[in-house]
Amino acid sequence: MFKVSITNRAEKDLKRLERSTKNRVITSISSLAEEPRPAGCRKIQSEEGVWRIRVGDWRIAYIIDVLNQEITIIRIAHRREFYD
């Protein structure tokens, strides 16, 4: 089981979401504790050590620290803004 933490930036991103989207995102984040690399996750090529998962049109970027068994959510953004 991994510990999941969230950065201030990602927390602000999460607060801006609509309730239904926020619930789906929170569910996906919670499931990362059990499976840090779920089906469909991708490593972001332009950033070292950063992974992302899709939740509809939204993307969640996170870092996996295997030694400390910790996942840090660093960004939550719509797909059109995520890759800028």
PDB file of N, CA and C in Angstrom:
ATOM      1  N   MET A   1       0.830  -1.180   0.000  1.00  0.00           N
ATOM      2  CA  MET A   1       0.000   0.000   0.000  1.00  0.00           C
ATOM      3  C   MET A   1       0.882   1.254   0.000  1.00  0.00           C
ATOM      4  N   PHE A   2       0.636   2.141  -0.918  1.00  0.00           N
ATOM      5  CA  PHE A   2       1.378   3.391  -1.010  1.00  0.00           C
ATOM      6  C   PHE A   2       0.627   4.499  -0.268  1.00  0.00           C
ATOM      7  N   LYS A   3       1.390   5.442   0.262  1.00  0.00           N
ATOM      8  CA  LYS A   3       0.793   6.640   0.859  1.00  0.00           C
ATOM      9  C   LYS A   3       0.645   7.664  -0.262  1.00  0.00           C
ATOM     10  N   VAL A   4      -0.503   8.315  -0.345  1.00  0.00           N
ATOM     11  CA  VAL A   4      -0.748   9.313  -1.392  1.00  0.00           C
ATOM     12  C   VAL A   4      -0.778  10.700  -0.761  1.00  0.00           C
ATOM     13  N   SER A   5       0.042  11.602  -1.303  1.00  0.00           N
ATOM     14  CA  SER A   5       0.022  13.001  -0.850  1.00  0.00           C
ATOM     15  C   SER A   5      -0.238  13.883  -2.063  1.00  0.00           C
ATOM     16  N   ILE A   6      -0.625  15.110  -1.800  1.00  0.00           N
ATOM     17  CA  ILE A   6      -0.989  16.025  -2.880  1.00  0.00           C
ATOM     18  C   ILE A   6      -0.312  17.374  -2.641  1.00  0.00           C
ATOM     19  N   THR A   7       0.259  17.945  -3.685  1.00  0.00           N
ATOM     20  CA  THR A   7       0.922  19.240  -3.560  1.00  0.00           C
ATOM     21  C   THR A   7      -0.121  20.357  -3.472  1.00  0.00           C
ATOM     22  N   ASN A   8       0.322  21.525  -3.067  1.00  0.00           N
ATOM     23  CA  ASN A   8      -0.586  22.676  -2.986  1.00  0.00           C
ATOM     24  C   ASN A   8      -1.180  23.017  -4.344  1.00  0.00           C
ATOM     25  N   ARG A   9      -0.359  22.958  -5.377  1.00  0.00           N
ATOM     26  CA  ARG A   9      -0.842  23.266  -6.729  1.00  0.00           C
ATOM     27  C   ARG A   9      -1.944  22.295  -7.153  1.00  0.00           C
ATOM     28  N   ALA A  10      -1.712  21.008  -6.926  1.00  0.00           N
ATOM     29  CA  ALA A  10      -2.708  20.004  -7.303  1.00  0.00           C
ATOM     30  C   ALA A  10      -3.981  20.156  -6.468  1.00  0.00           C
ATOM     31  N   GLU A  11      -3.824  20.552  -5.224  1.00  0.00           N
ATOM     32  CA  GLU A  11      -4.995  20.778  -4.373  1.00  0.00           C
ATOM     33  C   GLU A  11      -5.842  21.938  -4.900  1.00  0.00           C
ATOM     34  N   LYS A  12      -5.189  22.988  -5.358  1.00  0.00           N
ATOM     35  CA  LYS A  12      -5.915  24.108  -5.965  1.00  0.00           C
ATOM     36  C   LYS A  12      -6.619  23.669  -7.243  1.00  0.00           C
ATOM     37  N   ASP A  13      -5.916  22.864  -8.053  1.00  0.00           N
ATOM     38  CA  ASP A  13      -6.517  22.332  -9.278  1.00  0.00           C
ATOM     39  C   ASP A  13      -7.772  21.525  -8.947  1.00  0.00           C
ATOM     40  N   LEU A  14      -7.693  20.719  -7.916  1.00  0.00           N
ATOM     41  CA  LEU A  14      -8.807  19.863  -7.513  1.00  0.00           C
ATOM     42  C   LEU A  14     -10.003  20.691  -7.042  1.00  0.00           C
ATOM     43  N   LYS A  15      -9.749  21.762  -6.322  1.00  0.00           N
ATOM     44  CA  LYS A  15     -10.835  22.607  -5.804  1.00  0.00           C
ATOM     45  C   LYS A  15     -11.608  23.308  -6.916  1.00  0.00           C
ATOM     46  N   ARG A  16     -10.965  23.527  -8.061  1.00  0.00           N
ATOM     47  CA  ARG A  16     -11.619  24.217  -9.172  1.00  0.00           C
ATOM     48  C   ARG A  16     -12.560  23.322  -9.977  1.00  0.00           C
ATOM     49  N   LEU A  17     -12.476  22.019  -9.785  1.00  0.00           N
ATOM     50  CA  LEU A  17     -13.269  21.083 -10.587  1.00  0.00           C
ATOM     51  C   LEU A  17     -14.732  21.063 -10.167  1.00  0.00           C
ATOM     52  N   GLU A  18     -15.595  20.702 -11.122  1.00  0.00           N
ATOM     53  CA  GLU A  18     -17.003  20.493 -10.805  1.00  0.00           C
ATOM     54  C   GLU A  18     -17.112  19.278  -9.885  1.00  0.00           C
ATOM     55  N   ARG A  19     -18.185  19.196  -9.141  1.00  0.00           N
ATOM     56  CA  ARG A  19     -18.352  18.142  -8.147  1.00  0.00           C
ATOM     57  C   ARG A  19     -18.250  16.739  -8.757  1.00  0.00           C
ATOM     58  N   SER A  20     -18.940  16.500  -9.874  1.00  0.00           N
ATOM     59  CA  SER A  20     -18.930  15.153 -10.464  1.00  0.00           C
ATOM     60  C   SER A  20     -17.524  14.772 -10.940  1.00  0.00           C
ATOM     61  N   THR A  21     -16.834  15.717 -11.563  1.00  0.00           N
ATOM     62  CA  THR A  21     -15.462  15.465 -12.021  1.00  0.00           C
ATOM     63  C   THR A  21     -14.545  15.270 -10.827  1.00  0.00           C
ATOM     64  N   LYS A  22     -14.717  16.095  -9.802  1.00  0.00           N
ATOM     65  CA  LYS A  22     -13.893  16.000  -8.608  1.00  0.00           C
ATOM     66  C   LYS A  22     -14.027  14.623  -7.967  1.00  0.00           C
ATOM     67  N   ASN A  23     -15.253  14.100  -7.891  1.00  0.00           N
ATOM     68  CA  ASN A  23     -15.468  12.778  -7.301  1.00  0.00           C
ATOM     69  C   ASN A  23     -14.753  11.687  -8.091  1.00  0.00           C
ATOM     70  N   ARG A  24     -14.796  11.767  -9.417  1.00  0.00           N
ATOM     71  CA  ARG A  24     -14.108  10.778 -10.254  1.00  0.00           C
ATOM     72  C   ARG A  24     -12.595  10.867 -10.084  1.00  0.00           C
ATOM     73  N   VAL A  25     -12.083  12.092 -10.011  1.00  0.00           N
ATOM     74  CA  VAL A  25     -10.646  12.299  -9.833  1.00  0.00           C
ATOM     75  C   VAL A  25     -10.192  11.768  -8.472  1.00  0.00           C
ATOM     76  N   ILE A  26     -10.948  12.055  -7.426  1.00  0.00           N
ATOM     77  CA  ILE A  26     -10.586  11.593  -6.083  1.00  0.00           C
ATOM     78  C   ILE A  26     -10.586  10.066  -6.020  1.00  0.00           C
ATOM     79  N   THR A  27     -11.563   9.449  -6.669  1.00  0.00           N
ATOM     80  CA  THR A  27     -11.609   7.984  -6.714  1.00  0.00           C
ATOM     81  C   THR A  27     -10.366   7.424  -7.400  1.00  0.00           C
ATOM     82  N   SER A  28      -9.964   8.040  -8.507  1.00  0.00           N
ATOM     83  CA  SER A  28      -8.772   7.592  -9.227  1.00  0.00           C
ATOM     84  C   SER A  28      -7.506   7.788  -8.399  1.00  0.00           C
ATOM     85  N   ILE A  29      -7.419   8.907  -7.711  1.00  0.00           N
ATOM     86  CA  ILE A  29      -6.256   9.173  -6.855  1.00  0.00           C
ATOM     87  C   ILE A  29      -6.186   8.148  -5.729  1.00  0.00           C
ATOM     88  N   SER A  30      -7.315   7.843  -5.133  1.00  0.00           N
ATOM     89  CA  SER A  30      -7.353   6.862  -4.041  1.00  0.00           C
ATOM     90  C   SER A  30      -6.920   5.478  -4.512  1.00  0.00           C
ATOM     91  N   SER A  31      -7.296   5.123  -5.724  1.00  0.00           N
ATOM     92  CA  SER A  31      -6.937   3.800  -6.239  1.00  0.00           C
ATOM     93  C   SER A  31      -5.433   3.676  -6.520  1.00  0.00           C
ATOM     94  N   LEU A  32      -4.748   4.808  -6.669  1.00  0.00           N
ATOM     95  CA  LEU A  32      -3.296   4.770  -6.879  1.00  0.00           C
ATOM     96  C   LEU A  32      -2.554   4.189  -5.676  1.00  0.00           C
ATOM     97  N   ALA A  33      -3.146   4.278  -4.488  1.00  0.00           N
ATOM     98  CA  ALA A  33      -2.508   3.734  -3.288  1.00  0.00           C
ATOM     99  C   ALA A  33      -2.310   2.227  -3.409  1.00  0.00           C
ATOM    100  N   GLU A  34      -3.239   1.556  -4.059  1.00  0.00           N
ATOM    101  CA  GLU A  34      -3.136   0.107  -4.228  1.00  0.00           C
ATOM    102  C   GLU A  34      -2.350  -0.280  -5.473  1.00  0.00           C
ATOM    103  N   GLU A  35      -2.521   0.484  -6.548  1.00  0.00           N
ATOM    104  CA  GLU A  35      -1.861   0.176  -7.824  1.00  0.00           C
ATOM    105  C   GLU A  35      -1.289   1.471  -8.403  1.00  0.00           C
ATOM    106  N   PRO A  36       0.001   1.764  -8.156  1.00  0.00           N
ATOM    107  CA  PRO A  36       0.587   3.027  -8.617  1.00  0.00           C
ATOM    108  C   PRO A  36       0.735   3.139 -10.134  1.00  0.00           C
ATOM    109  N   ARG A  37       0.709   2.003 -10.818  1.00  0.00           N
ATOM    110  CA  ARG A  37       0.787   2.020 -12.285  1.00  0.00           C
ATOM    111  C   ARG A  37      -0.396   1.251 -12.864  1.00  0.00           C
ATOM    112  N   PRO A  38      -1.589   1.844 -12.788  1.00  0.00           N
ATOM    113  CA  PRO A  38      -2.780   1.146 -13.292  1.00  0.00           C
ATOM    114  C   PRO A  38      -2.759   1.039 -14.817  1.00  0.00           C
ATOM    115  N   ALA A  39      -3.649   0.218 -15.344  1.00  0.00           N
ATOM    116  CA  ALA A  39      -3.764   0.093 -16.797  1.00  0.00           C
ATOM    117  C   ALA A  39      -4.050   1.460 -17.394  1.00  0.00           C
ATOM    118  N   GLY A  40      -3.342   1.799 -18.444  1.00  0.00           N
ATOM    119  CA  GLY A  40      -3.549   3.079 -19.114  1.00  0.00           C
ATOM    120  C   GLY A  40      -2.666   4.204 -18.617  1.00  0.00           C
ATOM    121  N   CYS A  41      -1.889   3.987 -17.567  1.00  0.00           N
ATOM    122  CA  CYS A  41      -0.999   5.059 -17.102  1.00  0.00           C
ATOM    123  C   CYS A  41       0.149   5.196 -18.098  1.00  0.00           C
ATOM    124  N   ARG A  42       0.703   6.376 -18.180  1.00  0.00           N
ATOM    125  CA  ARG A  42       1.810   6.645 -19.104  1.00  0.00           C
ATOM    126  C   ARG A  42       2.889   7.447 -18.385  1.00  0.00           C
ATOM    127  N   LYS A  43       4.118   7.197 -18.771  1.00  0.00           N
ATOM    128  CA  LYS A  43       5.225   8.002 -18.280  1.00  0.00           C
ATOM    129  C   LYS A  43       5.313   9.228 -19.180  1.00  0.00           C
ATOM    130  N   ILE A  44       5.427  10.396 -18.592  1.00  0.00           N
ATOM    131  CA  ILE A  44       5.526  11.632 -19.367  1.00  0.00           C
ATOM    132  C   ILE A  44       6.970  11.762 -19.859  1.00  0.00           C
ATOM    133  N   GLN A  45       7.133  11.831 -21.164  1.00  0.00           N
ATOM    134  CA  GLN A  45       8.465  11.835 -21.770  1.00  0.00           C
ATOM    135  C   GLN A  45       9.260  13.092 -21.437  1.00  0.00           C
ATOM    136  N   SER A  46       8.589  14.231 -21.371  1.00  0.00           N
ATOM    137  CA  SER A  46       9.296  15.501 -21.195  1.00  0.00           C
ATOM    138  C   SER A  46       9.719  15.774 -19.750  1.00  0.00           C
ATOM    139  N   GLU A  47       9.220  14.977 -18.802  1.00  0.00           N
ATOM    140  CA  GLU A  47       9.548  15.203 -17.395  1.00  0.00           C
ATOM    141  C   GLU A  47      10.013  13.898 -16.765  1.00  0.00           C
ATOM    142  N   GLU A  48      11.158  13.931 -16.131  1.00  0.00           N
ATOM    143  CA  GLU A  48      11.746  12.731 -15.545  1.00  0.00           C
ATOM    144  C   GLU A  48      10.964  12.256 -14.320  1.00  0.00           C
ATOM    145  N   GLY A  49      10.582  10.998 -14.327  1.00  0.00           N
ATOM    146  CA  GLY A  49       9.938  10.388 -13.168  1.00  0.00           C
ATOM    147  C   GLY A  49       8.478  10.737 -12.963  1.00  0.00           C
ATOM    148  N   VAL A  50       7.852  11.387 -13.930  1.00  0.00           N
ATOM    149  CA  VAL A  50       6.458  11.801 -13.777  1.00  0.00           C
ATOM    150  C   VAL A  50       5.562  10.877 -14.604  1.00  0.00           C
ATOM    151  N   TRP A  51       4.515  10.414 -13.972  1.00  0.00           N
ATOM    152  CA  TRP A  51       3.526   9.552 -14.614  1.00  0.00           C
ATOM    153  C   TRP A  51       2.209  10.298 -14.706  1.00  0.00           C
ATOM    154  N   ARG A  52       1.310   9.814 -15.576  1.00  0.00           N
ATOM    155  CA  ARG A  52      -0.010  10.439 -15.660  1.00  0.00           C
ATOM    156  C   ARG A  52      -1.072   9.382 -15.915  1.00  0.00           C
ATOM    157  N   ILE A  53      -2.258   9.661 -15.388  1.00  0.00           N
ATOM    158  CA  ILE A  53      -3.425   8.838 -15.682  1.00  0.00           C
ATOM    159  C   ILE A  53      -4.518   9.750 -16.220  1.00  0.00           C
ATOM    160  N   ARG A  54      -5.427   9.148 -16.980  1.00  0.00           N
ATOM    161  CA  ARG A  54      -6.554   9.885 -17.556  1.00  0.00           C
ATOM    162  C   ARG A  54      -7.797   9.629 -16.737  1.00  0.00           C
ATOM    163  N   VAL A  55      -8.580  10.675 -16.580  1.00  0.00           N
ATOM    164  CA  VAL A  55      -9.913  10.570 -15.994  1.00  0.00           C
ATOM    165  C   VAL A  55     -10.802  11.392 -16.920  1.00  0.00           C
ATOM    166  N   GLY A  56     -11.348  10.742 -17.938  1.00  0.00           N
ATOM    167  CA  GLY A  56     -12.106  11.461 -18.961  1.00  0.00           C
ATOM    168  C   GLY A  56     -11.180  12.408 -19.703  1.00  0.00           C
ATOM    169  N   ASP A  57     -11.538  13.690 -19.739  1.00  0.00           N
ATOM    170  CA  ASP A  57     -10.702  14.698 -20.395  1.00  0.00           C
ATOM    171  C   ASP A  57      -9.654  15.293 -19.451  1.00  0.00           C
ATOM    172  N   TRP A  58      -9.581  14.801 -18.248  1.00  0.00           N
ATOM    173  CA  TRP A  58      -8.667  15.336 -17.241  1.00  0.00           C
ATOM    174  C   TRP A  58      -7.453  14.429 -17.091  1.00  0.00           C
ATOM    175  N   ARG A  59      -6.325  15.021 -16.728  1.00  0.00           N
ATOM    176  CA  ARG A  59      -5.085  14.291 -16.524  1.00  0.00           C
ATOM    177  C   ARG A  59      -4.577  14.552 -15.118  1.00  0.00           C
ATOM    178  N   ILE A  60      -4.052  13.501 -14.501  1.00  0.00           N
ATOM    179  CA  ILE A  60      -3.477  13.592 -13.162  1.00  0.00           C
ATOM    180  C   ILE A  60      -2.012  13.210 -13.285  1.00  0.00           C
ATOM    181  N   ALA A  61      -1.116  14.126 -12.931  1.00  0.00           N
ATOM    182  CA  ALA A  61       0.323  13.871 -12.972  1.00  0.00           C
ATOM    183  C   ALA A  61       0.803  13.545 -11.566  1.00  0.00           C
ATOM    184  N   TYR A  62       1.660  12.532 -11.473  1.00  0.00           N
ATOM    185  CA  TYR A  62       2.147  12.127 -10.159  1.00  0.00           C
ATOM    186  C   TYR A  62       3.539  11.524 -10.251  1.00  0.00           C
ATOM    187  N   ILE A  63       4.194  11.493  -9.097  1.00  0.00           N
ATOM    188  CA  ILE A  63       5.533  10.934  -8.973  1.00  0.00           C
ATOM    189  C   ILE A  63       5.444   9.737  -8.025  1.00  0.00           C
ATOM    190  N   ILE A  64       6.109   8.643  -8.399  1.00  0.00           N
ATOM    191  CA  ILE A  64       6.122   7.441  -7.578  1.00  0.00           C
ATOM    192  C   ILE A  64       7.479   7.332  -6.887  1.00  0.00           C
ATOM    193  N   ASP A  65       7.460   7.259  -5.558  1.00  0.00           N
ATOM    194  CA  ASP A  65       8.678   7.038  -4.775  1.00  0.00           C
ATOM    195  C   ASP A  65       8.576   5.625  -4.196  1.00  0.00           C
ATOM    196  N   VAL A  66       9.211   4.677  -4.878  1.00  0.00           N
ATOM    197  CA  VAL A  66       9.088   3.270  -4.505  1.00  0.00           C
ATOM    198  C   VAL A  66       9.755   2.990  -3.159  1.00  0.00           C
ATOM    199  N   LEU A  67      10.897   3.611  -2.898  1.00  0.00           N
ATOM    200  CA  LEU A  67      11.618   3.354  -1.648  1.00  0.00           C
ATOM    201  C   LEU A  67      10.808   3.726  -0.415  1.00  0.00           C
ATOM    202  N   ASN A  68      10.125   4.866  -0.475  1.00  0.00           N
ATOM    203  CA  ASN A  68       9.319   5.331   0.659  1.00  0.00           C
ATOM    204  C   ASN A  68       7.852   4.926   0.548  1.00  0.00           C
ATOM    205  N   GLN A  69       7.511   4.188  -0.530  1.00  0.00           N
ATOM    206  CA  GLN A  69       6.132   3.756  -0.751  1.00  0.00           C
ATOM    207  C   GLN A  69       5.177   4.954  -0.732  1.00  0.00           C
ATOM    208  N   GLU A  70       5.526   5.989  -1.514  1.00  0.00           N
ATOM    209  CA  GLU A  70       4.735   7.218  -1.530  1.00  0.00           C
ATOM    210  C   GLU A  70       4.468   7.678  -2.961  1.00  0.00           C
ATOM    211  N   ILE A  71       3.269   8.189  -3.176  1.00  0.00           N
ATOM    212  CA  ILE A  71       2.877   8.785  -4.446  1.00  0.00           C
ATOM    213  C   ILE A  71       2.541  10.242  -4.167  1.00  0.00           C
ATOM    214  N   THR A  72       3.094  11.145  -4.975  1.00  0.00           N
ATOM    215  CA  THR A  72       2.826  12.580  -4.818  1.00  0.00           C
ATOM    216  C   THR A  72       2.103  13.079  -6.054  1.00  0.00           C
ATOM    217  N   ILE A  73       0.884  13.573  -5.871  1.00  0.00           N
ATOM    218  CA  ILE A  73       0.108  14.144  -6.965  1.00  0.00           C
ATOM    219  C   ILE A  73       0.618  15.570  -7.162  1.00  0.00           C
ATOM    220  N   ILE A  74       1.075  15.878  -8.388  1.00  0.00           N
ATOM    221  CA  ILE A  74       1.671  17.195  -8.611  1.00  0.00           C
ATOM    222  C   ILE A  74       0.808  18.117  -9.461  1.00  0.00           C
ATOM    223  N   ARG A  75      -0.122  17.551 -10.244  1.00  0.00           N
ATOM    224  CA  ARG A  75      -0.939  18.421 -11.096  1.00  0.00           C
ATOM    225  C   ARG A  75      -2.190  17.692 -11.544  1.00  0.00           C
ATOM    226  N   ILE A  76      -3.279  18.444 -11.646  1.00  0.00           N
ATOM    227  CA  ILE A  76      -4.542  17.959 -12.197  1.00  0.00           C
ATOM    228  C   ILE A  76      -4.994  19.026 -13.181  1.00  0.00           C
ATOM    229  N   ALA A  77      -5.152  18.638 -14.456  1.00  0.00           N
ATOM    230  CA  ALA A  77      -5.493  19.637 -15.468  1.00  0.00           C
ATOM    231  C   ALA A  77      -6.289  19.003 -16.604  1.00  0.00           C
ATOM    232  N   HIS A  78      -7.015  19.861 -17.317  1.00  0.00           N
ATOM    233  CA  HIS A  78      -7.720  19.422 -18.518  1.00  0.00           C
ATOM    234  C   HIS A  78      -6.671  19.097 -19.573  1.00  0.00           C
ATOM    235  N   ARG A  79      -6.996  18.180 -20.464  1.00  0.00           N
ATOM    236  CA  ARG A  79      -6.001  17.718 -21.441  1.00  0.00           C
ATOM    237  C   ARG A  79      -5.470  18.828 -22.327  1.00  0.00           C
ATOM    238  N   ARG A  80      -6.268  19.844 -22.630  1.00  0.00           N
ATOM    239  CA  ARG A  80      -5.778  20.924 -23.492  1.00  0.00           C
ATOM    240  C   ARG A  80      -4.764  21.814 -22.780  1.00  0.00           C
ATOM    241  N   GLU A  81      -4.783  21.816 -21.439  1.00  0.00           N
ATOM    242  CA  GLU A  81      -3.834  22.625 -20.660  1.00  0.00           C
ATOM    243  C   GLU A  81      -2.673  21.805 -20.112  1.00  0.00           C
ATOM    244  N   PHE A  82      -2.869  20.520 -20.032  1.00  0.00           N
ATOM    245  CA  PHE A  82      -1.909  19.640 -19.340  1.00  0.00           C
ATOM    246  C   PHE A  82      -0.542  19.619 -20.010  1.00  0.00           C
ATOM    247  N   TYR A  83      -0.506  19.592 -21.325  1.00  0.00           N
ATOM    248  CA  TYR A  83       0.744  19.414 -22.040  1.00  0.00           C
ATOM    249  C   TYR A  83       1.438  20.720 -22.418  1.00  0.00           C
ATOM    250  N   ASP A  84       0.930  21.853 -21.964  1.00  0.00           N
ATOM    251  CA  ASP A  84       1.557  23.157 -22.267  1.00  0.00           C
ATOM    252  C   ASP A  84       2.821  23.349 -21.485  1.00  0.00           C
TER     253      ASP A  84
END
